[in-house]
């Protein structure tokens, strides 16, 4: 497993936008990508939303892990191509800042890696815990849309 140079996301809440560098990153088998959010407010969460549909909610990755300072992506779906995404800062009930540039991850790997090594820590006595991702309205809306699509009959 190799870690690609980090993607730096500079937060400017007053203007409501994010600057991301580099805007395009190429990955291969075993690569790990880290987004580091600089200047993120303590009551917010950095998030990466891929522009893909269906089962590819994580773009070319198998796992996305948020932290107080960024997002780490691991694993690989083995499908080559360009995966567009938007970096954003999520507040209590909405995105408070988003990237406006065309951002992408280019996957060159045809090797499926469904078993990334990830450590999930939980401290029940910790103060200032991050909001739960599944509780965020953006994710609820996305989940409801996906469930509705799954219930509707296929169109030809």
Foldseek 3Di string as FASTA:
>chain_A
DEEDPEWEWEDDLVVQEIDIPPQEAEDEPWYKYKYFYPPADLQKWKDKAWPDDDPCRVPQFQDWDTDSGTIMTHWGQLDFDKIWIKIFIDHQAGTSHIYDDTHIYTYPGNDGGNDDDDDDDDDPPDPSDHDDPCPHPVNVVVVVVNVVVVPDDDDD
